[in-house]
Amino acid sequence: MDITSLIIVVSLAAIMLYLIVRLPLAIFGNLRAGHRFRQGLAKVLDELRLSRMLRHLGIDREQYLHEQTGLTIRRHMNRCNNCEDKEKCDQALAEDKPADVDALGFCNNIDDLKNLSKR
C-alpha cells in the first residue's frame, strides 16, 4: 500500500469515528431540545383557557402535547388567546358536567378539538 492510499484510509477512518461519536450526541441533543420546547408549550398552555377546554372535552393534555405538532398547538393557543368570547368560555368551563360539544360553537378551536376528542 502506498502512502497516498494509507492517508486516504486513515482519513476515512477518522471521519467515520467522528460520525459514530457525533451522531448519537446530536440525536440526544435534539431530543432534549424537543422536550424543553414541549415543556414551554405546556407552561403557556396552562395559562390559557385552552387547557381547561381540553380537560372539559376529555382530551388528555399530555397526549395532546405529544401528538399534535408545535405549529398546531401554537395555532390553537393563538386562537384561544385572541378569542372574544372568553366570558362564554368561562361559563361553559365552570359547569361540572361536560357541555354538549355543539353548545361550544363559540370556541374558535372547537372543530379541531372535536376531531381530537373522537379519537
C-alpha atoms as a PDB file:
ATOM      1  CA  MET A   1       0.000   0.000   0.000  1.00  0.00           C
ATOM      2  CA  ASP A   2       1.474   3.327  -0.953  1.00  0.00           C
ATOM      3  CA  ILE A   3       1.471   6.431   1.261  1.00  0.00           C
ATOM      4  CA  THR A   4      -1.437   8.124  -0.573  1.00  0.00           C
ATOM      5  CA  SER A   5      -3.740   5.161  -0.040  1.00  0.00           C
ATOM      6  CA  LEU A   6      -2.747   4.963   3.603  1.00  0.00           C
ATOM      7  CA  ILE A   7      -3.523   8.658   4.153  1.00  0.00           C
ATOM      8  CA  ILE A   8      -6.921   8.265   2.486  1.00  0.00           C
ATOM      9  CA  VAL A   9      -7.787   5.165   4.539  1.00  0.00           C
ATOM     10  CA  VAL A  10      -6.742   6.837   7.805  1.00  0.00           C
ATOM     11  CA  SER A  11      -8.695   9.993   6.893  1.00  0.00           C
ATOM     12  CA  LEU A  12     -11.841   7.991   6.105  1.00  0.00           C
ATOM     13  CA  ALA A  13     -11.469   6.004   9.340  1.00  0.00           C
ATOM     14  CA  ALA A  14     -11.129   9.242  11.325  1.00  0.00           C
ATOM     15  CA  ILE A  15     -14.230  10.690   9.659  1.00  0.00           C
ATOM     16  CA  MET A  16     -16.216   7.516  10.369  1.00  0.00           C
ATOM     17  CA  LEU A  17     -15.117   7.557  14.013  1.00  0.00           C
ATOM     18  CA  TYR A  18     -16.134  11.204  14.314  1.00  0.00           C
ATOM     19  CA  LEU A  19     -19.576  10.448  12.832  1.00  0.00           C
ATOM     20  CA  ILE A  20     -20.078   7.405  15.061  1.00  0.00           C
ATOM     21  CA  VAL A  21     -19.426   9.549  18.143  1.00  0.00           C
ATOM     22  CA  ARG A  22     -21.116  12.766  16.996  1.00  0.00           C
ATOM     23  CA  LEU A  23     -24.374  11.343  15.596  1.00  0.00           C
ATOM     24  CA  PRO A  24     -25.756   9.951  18.894  1.00  0.00           C
ATOM     25  CA  LEU A  25     -24.754  13.171  20.668  1.00  0.00           C
ATOM     26  CA  ALA A  26     -26.676  15.215  18.087  1.00  0.00           C
ATOM     27  CA  ILE A  27     -29.727  12.954  18.381  1.00  0.00           C
ATOM     28  CA  PHE A  28     -29.803  13.203  22.184  1.00  0.00           C
ATOM     29  CA  GLY A  29     -29.310  16.962  21.977  1.00  0.00           C
ATOM     30  CA  ASN A  30     -32.286  17.246  19.640  1.00  0.00           C
ATOM     31  CA  LEU A  31     -34.404  15.086  21.939  1.00  0.00           C
ATOM     32  CA  ARG A  32     -33.567  17.329  24.903  1.00  0.00           C
ATOM     33  CA  ALA A  33     -34.343  20.466  22.886  1.00  0.00           C
ATOM     34  CA  GLY A  34     -37.679  18.993  21.800  1.00  0.00           C
ATOM     35  CA  HIS A  35     -38.516  18.109  25.388  1.00  0.00           C
ATOM     36  CA  ARG A  36     -37.721  21.668  26.548  1.00  0.00           C
ATOM     37  CA  PHE A  37     -39.854  23.039  23.692  1.00  0.00           C
ATOM     38  CA  ARG A  38     -42.824  20.869  24.725  1.00  0.00           C
ATOM     39  CA  GLN A  39     -42.369  21.924  28.370  1.00  0.00           C
ATOM     40  CA  GLY A  40     -42.500  25.564  27.284  1.00  0.00           C
ATOM     41  CA  LEU A  41     -45.676  24.890  25.318  1.00  0.00           C
ATOM     42  CA  ALA A  42     -47.184  23.137  28.345  1.00  0.00           C
ATOM     43  CA  LYS A  43     -46.400  26.102  30.577  1.00  0.00           C
ATOM     44  CA  VAL A  44     -48.053  28.567  28.177  1.00  0.00           C
ATOM     45  CA  LEU A  45     -50.969  26.168  27.623  1.00  0.00           C
ATOM     46  CA  ASP A  46     -51.668  26.051  31.367  1.00  0.00           C
ATOM     47  CA  GLU A  47     -52.108  29.834  31.387  1.00  0.00           C
ATOM     48  CA  LEU A  48     -54.859  29.705  28.763  1.00  0.00           C
ATOM     49  CA  ARG A  49     -58.458  28.534  28.857  1.00  0.00           C
ATOM     50  CA  LEU A  50     -57.467  26.024  26.200  1.00  0.00           C
ATOM     51  CA  SER A  51     -56.026  23.737  28.876  1.00  0.00           C
ATOM     52  CA  ARG A  52     -59.327  23.725  30.758  1.00  0.00           C
ATOM     53  CA  MET A  53     -61.221  23.212  27.486  1.00  0.00           C
ATOM     54  CA  LEU A  54     -59.118  20.143  26.701  1.00  0.00           C
ATOM     55  CA  ARG A  55     -59.887  18.702  30.139  1.00  0.00           C
ATOM     56  CA  HIS A  56     -63.563  19.636  29.741  1.00  0.00           C
ATOM     57  CA  LEU A  57     -63.735  17.701  26.468  1.00  0.00           C
ATOM     58  CA  GLY A  58     -61.908  14.712  27.934  1.00  0.00           C
ATOM     59  CA  ILE A  59     -58.719  15.236  25.936  1.00  0.00           C
ATOM     60  CA  ASP A  60     -55.570  14.251  27.797  1.00  0.00           C
ATOM     61  CA  ARG A  61     -53.251  17.266  27.943  1.00  0.00           C
ATOM     62  CA  GLU A  62     -50.045  15.212  27.821  1.00  0.00           C
ATOM     63  CA  GLN A  63     -51.266  13.193  24.859  1.00  0.00           C
ATOM     64  CA  TYR A  64     -52.358  16.411  23.133  1.00  0.00           C
ATOM     65  CA  LEU A  65     -48.894  17.917  23.614  1.00  0.00           C
ATOM     66  CA  HIS A  66     -47.224  14.721  22.436  1.00  0.00           C
ATOM     67  CA  GLU A  67     -49.326  14.006  19.348  1.00  0.00           C
ATOM     68  CA  GLN A  68     -50.015  17.479  17.958  1.00  0.00           C
ATOM     69  CA  THR A  69     -47.395  19.435  16.079  1.00  0.00           C
ATOM     70  CA  GLY A  70     -45.954  22.555  17.666  1.00  0.00           C
ATOM     71  CA  LEU A  71     -47.492  24.604  14.868  1.00  0.00           C
ATOM     72  CA  THR A  72     -50.974  23.199  15.549  1.00  0.00           C
ATOM     73  CA  ILE A  73     -50.650  23.806  19.279  1.00  0.00           C
ATOM     74  CA  ARG A  74     -49.460  27.383  18.705  1.00  0.00           C
ATOM     75  CA  ARG A  75     -52.382  27.983  16.327  1.00  0.00           C
ATOM     76  CA  HIS A  76     -54.826  26.710  18.974  1.00  0.00           C
ATOM     77  CA  MET A  77     -53.158  28.903  21.602  1.00  0.00           C
ATOM     78  CA  ASN A  78     -53.316  31.996  19.410  1.00  0.00           C
ATOM     79  CA  ARG A  79     -56.979  31.394  18.626  1.00  0.00           C
ATOM     80  CA  CYS A  80     -57.733  30.946  22.320  1.00  0.00           C
ATOM     81  CA  ASN A  81     -55.727  33.990  23.350  1.00  0.00           C
ATOM     82  CA  ASN A  82     -57.406  36.202  20.717  1.00  0.00           C
ATOM     83  CA  CYS A  83     -60.907  34.937  21.457  1.00  0.00           C
ATOM     84  CA  GLU A  84     -63.633  37.499  22.004  1.00  0.00           C
ATOM     85  CA  ASP A  85     -65.995  35.084  23.801  1.00  0.00           C
ATOM     86  CA  LYS A  86     -63.960  34.496  26.948  1.00  0.00           C
ATOM     87  CA  GLU A  87     -66.963  35.074  29.223  1.00  0.00           C
ATOM     88  CA  LYS A  88     -68.974  32.378  27.419  1.00  0.00           C
ATOM     89  CA  CYS A  89     -65.980  30.104  27.665  1.00  0.00           C
ATOM     90  CA  ASP A  90     -65.624  30.696  31.408  1.00  0.00           C
ATOM     91  CA  GLN A  91     -69.329  29.936  31.907  1.00  0.00           C
ATOM     92  CA  ALA A  92     -69.133  26.728  29.882  1.00  0.00           C
ATOM     93  CA  LEU A  93     -65.977  25.597  31.660  1.00  0.00           C
ATOM     94  CA  ALA A  94     -67.448  26.374  35.082  1.00  0.00           C
ATOM     95  CA  GLU A  95     -70.068  23.639  34.639  1.00  0.00           C
ATOM     96  CA  ASP A  96     -69.292  20.356  36.389  1.00  0.00           C
ATOM     97  CA  LYS A  97     -70.522  18.131  33.607  1.00  0.00           C
ATOM     98  CA  PRO A  98     -69.043  18.415  30.133  1.00  0.00           C
ATOM     99  CA  ALA A  99     -71.087  20.673  27.919  1.00  0.00           C
ATOM    100  CA  ASP A 100     -72.574  19.441  24.692  1.00  0.00           C
ATOM    101  CA  VAL A 101     -69.906  19.945  22.042  1.00  0.00           C
ATOM    102  CA  ASP A 102     -72.444  21.696  19.826  1.00  0.00           C
ATOM    103  CA  ALA A 103     -73.060  24.223  22.626  1.00  0.00           C
ATOM    104  CA  LEU A 104     -69.388  25.156  22.450  1.00  0.00           C
ATOM    105  CA  GLY A 105     -69.738  26.531  18.918  1.00  0.00           C
ATOM    106  CA  PHE A 106     -68.425  29.897  20.067  1.00  0.00           C
ATOM    107  CA  CYS A 107     -64.949  28.372  20.573  1.00  0.00           C
ATOM    108  CA  ASN A 108     -62.538  29.119  17.743  1.00  0.00           C
ATOM    109  CA  ASN A 109     -60.873  25.726  18.237  1.00  0.00           C
ATOM    110  CA  ILE A 110     -63.954  23.556  18.634  1.00  0.00           C
ATOM    111  CA  ASP A 111     -63.774  21.964  15.177  1.00  0.00           C
ATOM    112  CA  ASP A 112     -60.199  20.805  15.723  1.00  0.00           C
ATOM    113  CA  LEU A 113     -60.897  19.755  19.315  1.00  0.00           C
ATOM    114  CA  LYS A 114     -63.989  17.773  18.265  1.00  0.00           C
ATOM    115  CA  ASN A 115     -61.807  15.710  15.965  1.00  0.00           C
ATOM    116  CA  LEU A 116     -59.330  15.117  18.775  1.00  0.00           C
ATOM    117  CA  SER A 117     -61.972  14.088  21.291  1.00  0.00           C
ATOM    118  CA  LYS A 118     -63.382  11.491  18.863  1.00  0.00           C
ATOM    119  CA  ARG A 119     -60.050   9.658  18.744  1.00  0.00           C
END
